[in-house]
């Protein structure tokens, strides 16, 4: 089942992506000659649809205005998931078309760093220590620690932590009001959530929540708020048959079975349904904002932390912008990275992009980010205080497939939770 567009977060490493990616990267592990990228231009490759590219272009124009001496050649690859993006990028690199800087989300950072493709940033950081210190001082310290722990494998620094997404619950203020249910608070529980779904269904006929099997957006938040995860903290051991994982899957299955959620799969669009008063809640980070604005539903929605059973929890994934080892424009590349993390660069991106949360606290708490956004948008940044990096071992595509397939079997009622997740656990154990 393809994940509904409205629920996904950049789709992690999509099914089928990891094997080809690993093979392609292995073939070019030492980096290439840099051919394919003009030595007169600084090349940057990122993932972006046509709509997103228009936004990025405004950011690039600001960079060019500040640094006319650097000719930036930016290319957005219009794909909808990181697995396809990494595959396309790795094929180019293997063929000698090596960009200077690339955009890599958490899901691919460890893999790219482990293949010897990237240039360490440590000397640049030391040279501009005051700039980096100022940046880090304006950031939740968890992002810095996670970036060191998970993004690199050899003690060197290949990425500065950038913009991120966490998970919260988006809800229709209108539907809660119509059903006479108090709006959720930061302290609400799974029981409160279930009660709200029941009341809203009974009073309005609307679905309470859109259950799904997207790894980041629809599985991990339930696991983490039940005190468990898909993997151990160091990502070495799968824990998908943990009783608390099974309990979370059962909880979601009951939402579907009791018709508090639409059946999984199909073309159900959670954003549109919420805007039309047909759905009370869906999970999301910052990325729903463009659709919700286009639907003129910003003021109808609220955002609140995920309901808890054991503790607060959210997955988190962040951007990094590494310099390729084969780049012949490393100094210019570092200048570009410094612009991306600067207050002006971050502020410009926050105003234009909208679909990710700025790493800088000062920008995330500013009106430029919070205006024309639902009440509770600030919770997306606050979630960093209790979030968990999305487990992303090297064989991410196959791992995601096993995790999602097991969850789908439960949601659809095709298999008992313990059986479906036990089978997935066995598959995961064979992949690490």
Protein backbone atom coordinates (compact mmCIF):
# COMPACT_ATOMS: atom_id res chain seq x y z
CA UNK A 1 0.00 0.00 0.00
CA UNK A 2 1.37 3.35 -1.00
CA UNK A 3 1.31 5.77 1.89
CA UNK A 4 -1.29 8.55 1.45
CA UNK A 5 0.36 11.77 0.36
CA UNK A 6 -1.08 13.66 3.28
CA UNK A 7 0.41 11.45 5.98
CA UNK A 8 3.99 10.97 4.89
CA UNK A 9 7.11 12.75 6.02
CA UNK A 10 9.56 12.61 3.10
CA UNK A 11 8.86 8.85 3.03
CA UNK A 12 12.05 7.67 4.83
CA UNK A 13 13.93 5.23 2.53
CA UNK A 14 11.23 3.90 0.24
CA UNK A 15 10.95 0.21 -0.52
CA UNK A 16 13.57 -0.97 -2.99
CA UNK A 17 15.88 1.99 -2.48
CA UNK A 18 18.47 0.69 -0.04
CA UNK A 19 20.05 -2.20 -1.95
CA UNK A 20 20.66 -0.26 -5.15
CA UNK A 21 21.85 2.73 -3.17
CA UNK A 22 24.35 0.76 -1.11
CA UNK A 23 25.72 -0.99 -4.21
CA UNK A 24 26.05 2.26 -6.11
CA UNK A 25 27.74 4.02 -3.22
CA UNK A 26 30.09 1.11 -2.66
CA UNK A 27 31.13 1.34 -6.31
CA UNK A 28 32.19 4.93 -5.88
CA UNK A 29 33.24 4.91 -2.24
CA UNK A 30 36.39 6.93 -2.75
CA UNK A 31 34.63 9.74 -4.59
CA UNK A 32 35.17 10.70 -8.19
CA UNK A 33 37.02 13.32 -10.12
CA UNK A 34 34.32 15.90 -9.72
CA UNK A 35 33.49 15.67 -13.40
CA UNK A 36 30.02 16.76 -14.36
CA UNK A 37 30.09 19.81 -12.12
CA UNK A 38 31.68 22.88 -13.65
CA UNK A 39 34.72 24.10 -11.74
CA UNK A 40 33.39 27.65 -12.29
CA UNK A 41 30.15 26.93 -10.47
CA UNK A 42 29.21 25.69 -7.03
CA UNK A 43 26.77 22.83 -7.51
CA UNK A 44 24.11 21.99 -4.95
CA UNK A 45 21.61 19.16 -5.33
CA UNK A 46 18.52 18.89 -3.15
CA UNK A 47 15.15 17.16 -3.16
CA UNK A 48 12.31 19.40 -4.22
CA UNK A 49 9.16 19.46 -6.31
CA UNK A 50 8.52 22.30 -8.75
CA UNK A 51 6.55 24.15 -6.07
CA UNK A 52 9.35 23.72 -3.54
CA UNK A 53 12.01 24.70 -6.08
CA UNK A 54 10.37 28.09 -6.54
CA UNK A 55 10.81 28.62 -2.82
CA UNK A 56 14.40 27.43 -2.78
CA UNK A 57 15.21 29.75 -5.72
CA UNK A 58 14.30 32.77 -3.58
CA UNK A 59 16.72 31.54 -0.94
CA UNK A 60 19.44 31.09 -3.56
CA UNK A 61 18.82 34.61 -4.85
CA UNK A 62 19.48 35.92 -1.34
CA UNK A 63 22.76 33.98 -1.23
CA UNK A 64 23.84 35.33 -4.64
CA UNK A 65 23.03 38.85 -3.47
CA UNK A 66 25.39 38.38 -0.52
CA UNK A 67 28.06 36.45 -2.44
CA UNK A 68 28.13 37.62 -6.07
CA UNK A 69 31.62 36.14 -6.37
CA UNK A 70 30.15 32.61 -6.13
CA UNK A 71 28.06 31.32 -9.01
CA UNK A 72 25.62 28.83 -7.51
CA UNK A 73 24.17 26.09 -9.69
CA UNK A 74 21.34 24.56 -7.67
CA UNK A 75 19.29 21.63 -8.88
CA UNK A 76 16.15 20.33 -7.24
CA UNK A 77 15.32 16.72 -8.04
CA UNK A 78 11.50 16.48 -8.08
CA UNK A 79 10.98 13.24 -6.19
CA UNK A 80 8.61 12.52 -3.33
CA UNK A 81 10.81 10.36 -1.12
CA UNK A 82 14.39 10.22 0.10
CA UNK A 83 15.02 6.67 -1.11
CA UNK A 84 14.45 7.59 -4.76
CA UNK A 85 16.45 10.79 -4.28
CA UNK A 86 19.42 8.94 -2.78
CA UNK A 87 19.28 6.34 -5.55
CA UNK A 88 19.31 8.97 -8.30
CA UNK A 89 22.07 10.89 -6.59
CA UNK A 90 24.25 7.84 -5.99
CA UNK A 91 23.89 6.76 -9.63
CA UNK A 92 25.13 10.17 -10.73
CA UNK A 93 28.04 10.05 -8.31
CA UNK A 94 29.01 6.58 -9.49
CA UNK A 95 29.03 7.99 -13.03
CA UNK A 96 31.38 10.82 -12.04
CA UNK A 97 28.79 13.60 -11.72
CA UNK A 98 29.73 14.74 -8.25
CA UNK A 99 28.02 17.85 -6.85
CA UNK A 100 29.78 20.04 -4.31
CA UNK A 101 27.03 20.08 -1.68
CA UNK A 102 23.98 17.85 -1.24
CA UNK A 103 20.94 17.78 1.01
CA UNK A 104 20.73 14.60 3.09
CA UNK A 105 18.08 13.79 5.69
CA UNK A 106 18.76 11.71 8.80
CA UNK A 107 17.67 8.56 6.98
CA UNK A 108 20.70 8.62 4.69
CA UNK A 109 23.34 10.44 6.73
CA UNK A 110 25.04 7.45 8.32
CA UNK A 111 25.09 5.55 5.04
CA UNK A 112 26.68 8.37 3.04
CA UNK A 113 29.22 9.10 5.78
CA UNK A 114 30.24 5.43 5.97
CA UNK A 115 31.06 5.21 2.26
CA UNK A 116 33.92 7.72 2.24
CA UNK A 117 32.16 10.16 -0.06
CA UNK A 118 32.18 13.20 2.21
CA UNK A 119 34.79 15.72 3.31
CA UNK A 120 35.15 16.24 7.08
CA UNK A 121 34.06 19.71 8.19
CA UNK A 122 36.19 19.81 11.35
CA UNK A 123 38.90 22.14 10.01
CA UNK A 124 36.30 24.56 8.66
CA UNK A 125 34.44 24.49 11.96
CA UNK A 126 37.65 25.26 13.86
CA UNK A 127 38.42 28.15 11.50
CA UNK A 128 34.94 29.62 12.02
CA UNK A 129 34.44 28.46 15.59
CA UNK A 130 32.71 31.64 16.73
CA UNK A 131 30.16 31.33 13.92
CA UNK A 132 29.43 27.71 14.80
CA UNK A 133 29.31 28.47 18.53
CA UNK A 134 26.71 31.17 17.89
CA UNK A 135 24.67 28.76 15.77
CA UNK A 136 24.81 25.99 18.36
CA UNK A 137 23.90 28.42 21.14
CA UNK A 138 20.66 29.14 19.26
CA UNK A 139 19.72 25.46 19.03
CA UNK A 140 18.30 22.74 21.23
CA UNK A 141 21.41 20.85 22.45
CA UNK A 142 19.75 17.53 21.61
CA UNK A 143 20.10 18.25 17.89
CA UNK A 144 23.84 18.76 18.31
CA UNK A 145 24.28 15.55 20.31
CA UNK A 146 22.14 13.46 17.97
CA UNK A 147 24.03 14.74 14.96
CA UNK A 148 27.34 13.67 16.53
CA UNK A 149 26.01 10.30 17.66
CA UNK A 150 24.03 9.15 14.64
CA UNK A 151 25.09 11.06 11.52
CA UNK A 152 28.76 10.07 11.42
CA UNK A 153 30.54 6.82 12.11
CA UNK A 154 34.19 7.69 12.69
CA UNK A 155 34.31 10.62 15.11
CA UNK A 156 34.63 13.20 12.33
CA UNK A 157 32.01 15.84 11.57
CA UNK A 158 30.39 15.53 8.14
CA UNK A 159 27.14 17.39 8.84
CA UNK A 160 25.97 20.39 10.78
CA UNK A 161 22.45 19.76 12.08
CA UNK A 162 19.87 21.69 10.09
CA UNK A 163 16.11 22.05 9.83
CA UNK A 164 14.03 19.18 11.18
CA UNK A 165 10.61 17.63 11.61
CA UNK A 166 9.08 16.15 14.72
CA UNK A 167 5.60 14.66 15.11
CA UNK A 168 2.57 16.22 16.78
CA UNK A 169 -1.17 15.74 16.42
CA UNK A 170 -3.05 18.19 14.18
CA UNK A 171 -6.72 18.54 15.10
CA UNK A 172 -9.86 20.27 13.86
CA UNK A 173 -10.95 22.86 16.39
CA UNK A 174 -14.33 23.00 14.65
CA UNK A 175 -15.05 19.29 15.05
CA UNK A 176 -14.01 19.24 18.70
CA UNK A 177 -16.34 22.20 19.34
CA UNK A 178 -19.25 20.64 17.43
CA UNK A 179 -18.89 17.41 19.41
CA UNK A 180 -18.65 19.29 22.70
CA UNK A 181 -15.21 17.79 23.36
CA UNK A 182 -12.61 20.04 25.04
CA UNK A 183 -9.60 20.70 22.82
CA UNK A 184 -6.65 18.46 23.69
CA UNK A 185 -3.85 19.72 25.93
CA UNK A 186 -0.15 18.89 26.09
CA UNK A 187 -0.91 16.46 28.92
CA UNK A 188 -3.56 14.36 27.17
CA UNK A 189 -3.43 10.56 27.10
CA UNK A 190 -4.26 7.68 24.76
CA UNK A 191 -7.52 7.27 26.69
CA UNK A 192 -8.35 10.96 26.16
CA UNK A 193 -7.57 10.55 22.46
CA UNK A 194 -9.77 7.46 22.10
CA UNK A 195 -12.62 9.16 23.98
CA UNK A 196 -12.39 12.20 21.67
CA UNK A 197 -12.54 9.93 18.60
CA UNK A 198 -15.63 8.18 19.97
CA UNK A 199 -17.44 11.38 20.88
CA UNK A 200 -16.68 13.11 17.58
CA UNK A 201 -17.82 10.08 15.59
CA UNK A 202 -21.03 9.81 17.63
CA UNK A 203 -21.89 13.52 17.52
CA UNK A 204 -20.71 14.55 14.04
CA UNK A 205 -20.19 11.36 12.01
CA UNK A 206 -16.62 12.40 11.22
CA UNK A 207 -13.67 10.06 11.55
CA UNK A 208 -11.59 10.68 14.66
CA UNK A 209 -8.12 9.91 13.30
CA UNK A 210 -6.46 8.71 10.10
CA UNK A 211 -4.56 5.54 11.04
CA UNK A 212 -1.76 4.64 8.65
CA UNK A 213 1.43 2.60 8.33
CA UNK A 214 4.00 5.31 7.53
CA UNK A 215 7.11 4.52 9.61
CA UNK A 216 7.96 8.06 10.71
CA UNK A 217 4.53 9.65 10.79
CA UNK A 218 2.14 6.92 11.91
CA UNK A 219 4.07 4.13 13.65
CA UNK A 220 6.94 5.67 15.60
CA UNK A 221 4.85 8.25 17.53
CA UNK A 222 2.68 5.46 18.99
CA UNK A 223 5.70 3.33 19.88
CA UNK A 224 7.59 6.16 21.54
CA UNK A 225 4.61 7.39 23.56
CA UNK A 226 4.23 3.81 24.83
CA UNK A 227 7.84 3.75 26.01
CA UNK A 228 9.24 1.60 23.23
CA UNK A 229 10.76 1.86 19.73
CA UNK A 230 11.49 -0.12 16.58
CA UNK A 231 15.17 -0.50 17.51
CA UNK A 232 17.53 -0.24 20.45
CA UNK A 233 19.07 3.18 21.08
CA UNK A 234 22.18 2.43 19.00
CA UNK A 235 20.07 0.99 16.12
CA UNK A 236 21.82 -2.38 16.38
CA UNK A 237 18.93 -4.52 17.66
CA UNK A 238 15.32 -4.53 16.42
CA UNK A 239 12.66 -4.51 19.15
CA UNK A 240 9.54 -4.80 17.01
CA UNK A 241 8.09 -7.73 18.95
CA UNK A 242 8.21 -5.84 22.25
CA UNK A 243 4.82 -6.21 24.03
CA UNK A 244 4.46 -2.41 24.03
CA UNK A 245 4.85 -2.34 20.24
CA UNK A 246 2.14 -5.00 19.96
CA UNK A 247 -0.07 -2.97 22.32
CA UNK A 248 0.36 0.16 20.16
CA UNK A 249 -0.52 -1.81 17.01
CA UNK A 250 -3.61 -3.26 18.70
CA UNK A 251 -4.69 0.24 19.75
CA UNK A 252 -4.49 1.43 16.14
CA UNK A 253 -6.22 -1.68 14.79
CA UNK A 254 -9.16 -1.05 17.12
CA UNK A 255 -9.52 2.49 15.73
CA UNK A 256 -9.95 1.00 12.26
CA UNK A 257 -12.15 -1.89 13.39
CA UNK A 258 -14.47 0.48 15.27
CA UNK A 259 -14.65 2.80 12.26
CA UNK A 260 -13.10 5.68 14.18
CA UNK A 261 -10.49 5.75 11.40
CA UNK A 262 -11.00 5.32 7.65
CA UNK A 263 -9.70 1.99 6.35
CA UNK A 264 -5.97 2.15 5.56
CA UNK A 265 -4.89 2.49 1.95
CA UNK A 266 -6.75 4.00 -0.95
CA UNK A 267 -6.72 7.68 -1.78
CA UNK A 268 -7.97 9.16 1.49
CA UNK A 269 -6.49 12.65 1.85
CA UNK A 270 -6.30 13.55 5.54
CA UNK A 271 -5.59 17.25 4.99
CA UNK A 272 -8.60 17.80 2.72
CA UNK A 273 -10.84 15.68 4.93
CA UNK A 274 -9.87 17.72 7.99
CA UNK A 275 -10.47 21.00 6.16
CA UNK A 276 -13.91 19.73 5.09
CA UNK A 277 -14.92 18.67 8.60
CA UNK A 278 -14.75 14.94 7.84
CA UNK A 279 -11.67 14.12 9.97
CA UNK A 280 -10.85 15.34 13.48
CA UNK A 281 -7.13 14.46 13.74
CA UNK A 282 -4.07 13.46 11.76
CA UNK A 283 -0.40 13.15 12.64
CA UNK A 284 2.05 15.60 11.16
CA UNK A 285 5.18 17.65 11.54
CA UNK A 286 5.47 21.03 9.85
CA UNK A 287 4.94 19.71 6.31
CA UNK A 288 1.10 19.81 6.25
CA UNK A 289 1.19 23.63 6.46
CA UNK A 290 1.27 24.37 2.71
CA UNK A 291 -1.77 22.17 2.00
CA UNK A 292 -3.64 23.51 5.03
CA UNK A 293 -2.93 27.09 3.92
CA UNK A 294 -4.05 26.31 0.38
CA UNK A 295 -7.24 24.82 1.81
CA UNK A 296 -7.72 28.02 3.84
CA UNK A 297 -8.00 25.92 6.99
CA UNK A 298 -5.12 27.33 9.05
CA UNK A 299 -7.37 28.91 11.66
CA UNK A 300 -9.58 25.81 11.84
CA UNK A 301 -6.68 23.64 13.00
CA UNK A 302 -4.67 23.25 16.19
CA UNK A 303 -1.45 21.37 16.96
CA UNK A 304 -0.75 19.52 20.20
CA UNK A 305 1.85 16.97 21.37
CA UNK A 306 1.05 13.33 20.65
CA UNK A 307 -1.17 11.70 23.30
CA UNK A 308 0.80 9.65 25.80
CA UNK A 309 0.44 6.31 27.55
CA UNK A 310 3.86 5.93 29.20
CA UNK A 311 5.71 9.15 28.32
CA UNK A 312 5.91 11.93 25.77
CA UNK A 313 7.50 10.88 22.51
CA UNK A 314 8.15 11.88 18.91
CA UNK A 315 10.50 10.75 16.16
CA UNK A 316 12.79 13.42 14.73
CA UNK A 317 14.69 13.69 11.46
CA UNK A 318 16.88 16.60 10.37
CA UNK A 319 18.66 17.93 7.30
CA UNK A 320 22.40 17.99 6.78
CA UNK A 321 24.37 19.66 3.98
CA UNK A 322 27.70 17.83 3.53
CA UNK A 323 30.55 18.74 1.20
CA UNK A 324 31.57 15.99 -1.20
CA UNK A 325 35.15 14.81 -0.87
CA UNK A 326 35.61 15.11 -4.65
CA UNK A 327 34.50 18.77 -4.71
CA UNK A 328 36.98 21.26 -6.11
CA UNK A 329 35.05 24.16 -4.56
CA UNK A 330 35.16 23.21 -0.90
CA UNK A 331 35.78 26.75 0.38
CA UNK A 332 32.83 28.10 -1.59
CA UNK A 333 30.76 25.14 -0.43
CA UNK A 334 31.53 26.02 3.20
CA UNK A 335 30.51 29.64 2.53
CA UNK A 336 27.18 28.34 1.22
CA UNK A 337 26.64 26.11 4.26
CA UNK A 338 27.39 29.03 6.57
CA UNK A 339 24.75 31.05 4.74
CA UNK A 340 22.17 28.27 5.19
CA UNK A 341 22.74 28.21 8.96
CA UNK A 342 22.98 31.99 9.36
CA UNK A 343 20.14 33.93 10.98
CA UNK A 344 19.30 35.56 7.67
CA UNK A 345 19.44 32.32 5.71
CA UNK A 346 17.42 30.45 8.32
CA UNK A 347 14.87 33.25 8.62
CA UNK A 348 14.47 33.51 4.85
CA UNK A 349 14.01 29.76 4.56
CA UNK A 350 11.47 29.69 7.42
CA UNK A 351 9.39 32.40 5.78
CA UNK A 352 9.53 30.86 2.32
CA UNK A 353 9.66 27.12 2.82
CA UNK A 354 7.33 26.44 5.66
CA UNK A 355 7.54 22.65 5.49
CA UNK A 356 10.35 22.16 8.01
CA UNK A 357 11.12 23.57 11.45
CA UNK A 358 14.17 25.88 11.69
CA UNK A 359 17.05 24.55 13.78
CA UNK A 360 17.46 27.99 15.34
CA UNK A 361 15.23 28.54 18.38
CA UNK A 362 15.12 32.26 17.72
CA UNK A 363 13.65 31.69 14.25
CA UNK A 364 11.29 28.90 15.31
CA UNK A 365 9.87 31.20 17.99
CA UNK A 366 9.63 34.22 15.70
CA UNK A 367 6.50 35.63 14.12
CA UNK A 368 7.94 34.91 10.67
CA UNK A 369 7.55 31.21 11.45
CA UNK A 370 4.50 31.20 13.72
CA UNK A 371 2.20 33.54 11.79
CA UNK A 372 -0.38 32.05 9.42
CA UNK A 373 0.08 28.73 11.23
CA UNK A 374 -2.21 26.77 13.57
CA UNK A 375 -2.34 27.43 17.28
CA UNK A 376 0.25 25.19 18.96
CA UNK A 377 2.83 25.33 16.15
CA UNK A 378 5.48 26.05 18.81
CA UNK A 379 5.04 22.48 20.08
CA UNK A 380 6.93 21.19 17.02
CA UNK A 381 10.16 22.76 18.28
CA UNK A 382 9.46 21.92 21.90
CA UNK A 383 9.21 18.25 20.92
CA UNK A 384 12.99 18.20 20.55
CA UNK A 385 13.21 18.03 24.33
CA UNK A 386 11.73 14.51 24.33
CA UNK A 387 12.17 13.30 20.72
CA UNK A 388 14.04 10.23 19.46
CA UNK A 389 16.02 10.17 16.18
CA UNK A 390 14.22 7.99 13.64
CA UNK A 391 16.12 4.65 13.69
CA UNK A 392 17.92 4.53 10.34
CA UNK A 393 20.40 1.62 9.99
CA UNK A 394 22.19 1.23 6.67
CA UNK A 395 19.61 -1.13 5.13
CA UNK A 396 16.92 1.48 5.65
CA UNK A 397 14.71 0.57 2.69
CA UNK A 398 14.35 -3.10 3.57
CA UNK A 399 13.97 -2.23 7.25
CA UNK A 400 11.19 0.23 6.53
CA UNK A 401 9.41 -2.32 4.34
CA UNK A 402 9.44 -4.94 7.09
CA UNK A 403 8.22 -2.45 9.70
CA UNK A 404 5.43 -1.03 7.56
CA UNK A 405 4.30 -4.39 6.14
CA UNK A 406 3.89 -5.81 9.63
CA UNK A 407 1.86 -2.78 10.76
CA UNK A 408 -0.32 -2.91 7.63
CA UNK A 409 -1.17 -6.54 8.34
CA UNK A 410 -2.41 -5.49 11.77
CA UNK A 411 -4.36 -2.43 10.59
CA UNK A 412 -6.20 -4.36 7.90
CA UNK A 413 -6.98 -7.23 10.28
CA UNK A 414 -5.17 -9.73 8.06
CA UNK A 415 -3.01 -11.00 10.92
CA UNK A 416 -2.97 -10.95 14.71
CA UNK A 417 -0.65 -8.23 16.05
CA UNK A 418 1.75 -10.64 17.79
CA UNK A 419 2.00 -12.81 14.66
CA UNK A 420 2.45 -9.93 12.20
CA UNK A 421 5.02 -8.08 14.28
CA UNK A 422 6.81 -11.29 15.25
CA UNK A 423 7.27 -12.11 11.56
CA UNK A 424 8.49 -8.54 10.93
CA UNK A 425 10.91 -8.86 13.87
CA UNK A 426 12.44 -11.97 12.31
CA UNK A 427 12.89 -10.12 9.03
CA UNK A 428 14.50 -7.16 10.82
CA UNK A 429 16.91 -9.44 12.70
CA UNK A 430 18.12 -10.69 9.32
CA UNK A 431 18.84 -7.14 8.15
CA UNK A 432 21.13 -5.89 10.94
